[in-house]
Amino acid sequence: MKRPCIEAGCPVLTSKTRCAEHERAKDRARGSAAARGYGAQHQALRAAWKRRMEAGERVVCWRCRDEHGIEHDVDPESFDLGHDDSDRSLYRGPECVSGNRATAARHMR
């Protein structure tokens, strides 16, 4: 079901939240991955974790295990490389997308 783009005054109907034009504008405004703190070090570390998972190593979401006591495997096709909440220069390891994004939203409030 298509709905109007959420940007004020945009009449374009879309199956997503924003129309293609406004989605591109939002991405440009966010800046590049490197500008947001996900540079070469981050990309290399994430790639290393992905290789380990694809080789069959069991990787558990550190955030869900630490915060909720829920232990579950991280999907090697879709995961975030989690930062320490107190020091973004430190990486804690792979985490599930939903756990990471929920934490990001809590910190923005």
Protein backbone atom coordinates (compact mmCIF):
# COMPACT_ATOMS: atom_id res chain seq x y z
CA MET A 1 0.00 0.00 0.00
CA LYS A 2 1.46 3.34 -1.00
CA ARG A 3 1.32 6.43 1.20
CA PRO A 4 2.52 10.01 0.79
CA CYS A 5 6.17 10.70 1.50
CA ILE A 6 6.62 11.89 5.10
CA GLU A 7 8.44 15.05 4.04
CA ALA A 8 6.15 18.05 4.47
CA GLY A 9 4.36 19.02 1.29
CA CYS A 10 5.64 16.12 -0.83
CA PRO A 11 2.77 14.59 -2.82
CA VAL A 12 4.70 11.53 -4.06
CA LEU A 13 3.19 8.17 -3.08
CA THR A 14 5.69 5.58 -1.90
CA SER A 15 5.75 2.13 -0.34
CA LYS A 16 8.59 3.33 1.93
CA THR A 17 8.72 6.19 4.40
CA ARG A 18 10.18 8.74 1.97
CA CYS A 19 10.12 9.11 -1.80
CA ALA A 20 13.36 8.37 -3.67
CA GLU A 21 14.30 12.07 -3.93
CA HIS A 22 13.88 12.71 -0.20
CA GLU A 23 15.60 9.44 0.72
CA ARG A 24 18.69 10.52 -1.30
CA ALA A 25 18.60 13.95 0.37
CA LYS A 26 18.46 12.33 3.80
CA ASP A 27 21.44 10.10 2.95
CA ARG A 28 23.48 13.08 1.68
CA ALA A 29 22.71 15.02 4.86
CA ARG A 30 23.95 12.13 7.01
CA GLY A 31 27.38 12.30 5.40
CA SER A 32 29.62 9.47 4.31
CA ALA A 33 30.24 6.40 6.43
CA ALA A 34 33.75 7.69 7.17
CA ALA A 35 32.40 11.09 8.22
CA ARG A 36 30.06 9.34 10.68
CA GLY A 37 32.95 7.45 12.29
CA TYR A 38 32.90 4.27 10.21
CA GLY A 39 36.21 4.65 8.38
CA ALA A 40 38.83 2.14 7.26
CA GLN A 41 39.41 0.66 10.73
CA HIS A 42 35.70 0.02 11.21
CA GLN A 43 35.27 -1.48 7.74
CA ALA A 44 38.29 -3.78 8.16
CA LEU A 45 37.16 -5.00 11.58
CA ARG A 46 33.60 -5.61 10.35
CA ALA A 47 34.92 -7.54 7.34
CA ALA A 48 37.09 -9.69 9.63
CA TRP A 49 34.08 -10.53 11.83
CA LYS A 50 32.00 -11.36 8.76
CA ARG A 51 34.68 -13.76 7.49
CA ARG A 52 34.78 -15.49 10.87
CA MET A 53 30.99 -15.89 10.91
CA GLU A 54 30.90 -17.14 7.31
CA ALA A 55 33.56 -19.71 8.26
CA GLY A 56 31.12 -21.11 10.83
CA GLU A 57 32.25 -19.43 14.05
CA ARG A 58 29.32 -18.93 16.40
CA VAL A 59 28.99 -15.23 17.27
CA VAL A 60 26.51 -14.07 19.90
CA CYS A 61 25.10 -10.53 20.05
CA TRP A 62 27.07 -8.91 22.84
CA ARG A 63 24.46 -6.22 23.50
CA CYS A 64 21.45 -8.50 23.98
CA ARG A 65 23.49 -10.89 26.10
CA ASP A 66 24.87 -8.07 28.27
CA GLU A 67 21.76 -5.91 28.62
CA HIS A 68 18.96 -8.47 28.55
CA GLY A 69 20.60 -11.81 29.23
CA ILE A 70 19.26 -13.02 25.86
CA GLU A 71 21.80 -15.02 23.93
CA HIS A 72 21.28 -15.40 20.19
CA ASP A 73 23.43 -15.77 17.12
CA VAL A 74 24.27 -12.77 14.95
CA ASP A 75 23.31 -13.00 11.27
CA PRO A 76 26.49 -12.73 9.15
CA GLU A 77 24.50 -11.13 6.31
CA SER A 78 23.02 -8.39 8.47
CA PHE A 79 24.82 -7.23 11.60
CA ASP A 80 26.23 -4.07 13.13
CA LEU A 81 29.68 -3.76 14.63
CA GLY A 82 28.89 -2.34 18.03
CA HIS A 83 30.71 0.48 19.77
CA ASP A 84 31.09 0.81 23.48
CA ASP A 85 28.35 3.15 24.72
CA SER A 86 30.77 5.21 26.78
CA ASP A 87 33.68 5.35 24.31
CA ARG A 88 32.91 5.17 20.59
CA SER A 89 36.57 4.51 19.82
CA LEU A 90 36.18 1.05 21.38
CA TYR A 91 34.38 -1.80 19.61
CA ARG A 92 32.51 -4.40 21.64
CA GLY A 93 31.86 -6.78 18.73
CA PRO A 94 29.04 -7.83 16.42
CA GLU A 95 25.50 -7.18 17.50
CA CYS A 96 22.08 -7.72 16.05
CA VAL A 97 20.66 -4.81 14.08
CA SER A 98 17.57 -4.46 16.27
CA GLY A 99 19.60 -4.32 19.50
CA ASN A 100 21.99 -1.72 18.11
CA ARG A 101 19.35 0.51 16.55
CA ALA A 102 17.16 0.42 19.67
CA THR A 103 20.16 1.54 21.74
CA ALA A 104 20.92 4.37 19.31
CA ALA A 105 17.33 5.59 19.56
CA ARG A 106 17.44 5.51 23.38
CA HIS A 107 20.61 7.63 23.41
CA MET A 108 19.04 10.27 21.13
CA ARG A 109 16.23 11.06 23.54
